[in-house]
Amino acid sequence: MLALPRHAGAGNLLWLERLLNTPTYLVEQHAGTPHGPLELDVLFPRDRLGATEPLLTTGYGKSGGDSIAVHYVDQTHIRFQAFHVGRGGPVSEPVEIDYGVPHRIRIAVGSLYPPRGHPVFSDWLPTQVARIRRRLKIELDGQPVLQGNFVVYPSTPPGKKSVAATCRRIFRTPLSPERSWLNARGGSIRGCRRL
């Protein structure tokens, strides 16, 4: 994907960015590359109390990155945290859980969406694109546990590999990461996808 540098008048080049991203968009559609919220069915480990582990990392190279992590507080509580390199980020209140049952986590963060010049946003207003690119919402079993504005670094599709590797390493069970497909009006259509 292409993201032209931000500078005065860069908005005038949005048409060019969309045009140059069109071949990538067509390949993504053919390959089934999802954009949007990530859903994970997880069974949290009981043996990591006091530890913090990533659920999702995005960004690339030396330009920076973002992560969503879980902290195992005690025998019945966890916390979620978002971290933006160079700025830090918000941390949830302790959330009560049962370590013995599977939980569904839904992560909606701006770095899971393509850049503003991607053709998927061609019918969107600039304010809608900006809002979704800075949104953070983490849900556990359908309940919001952390939400607000969260500035993110640009990311690329290879970030999804870190999700699958993290799932296998942390949760040690075959899981089903899912991505919600972004539709033209900003809603999402769930689709199962094993990474």
Foldseek 3Di string as FASTA:
>chain_A
DDDDDDDVPVVVCLQVLAVVQVVVVVVCVVVVPAFWKKKKWFQADQPQAQDKDFQFKFDDDPPWIKTWIWHRHDQFWIKIAIQTVPPGTDIFDTDGDHNGHIKMKIWQELQSHADCSHNLAVLPDPVVNVDSNQWTFIDIRRHTGDTDGHHGHHGDSVRVVVNLVRRCVRRVDQMWMWGWHQHSVGDTHTDTDRD
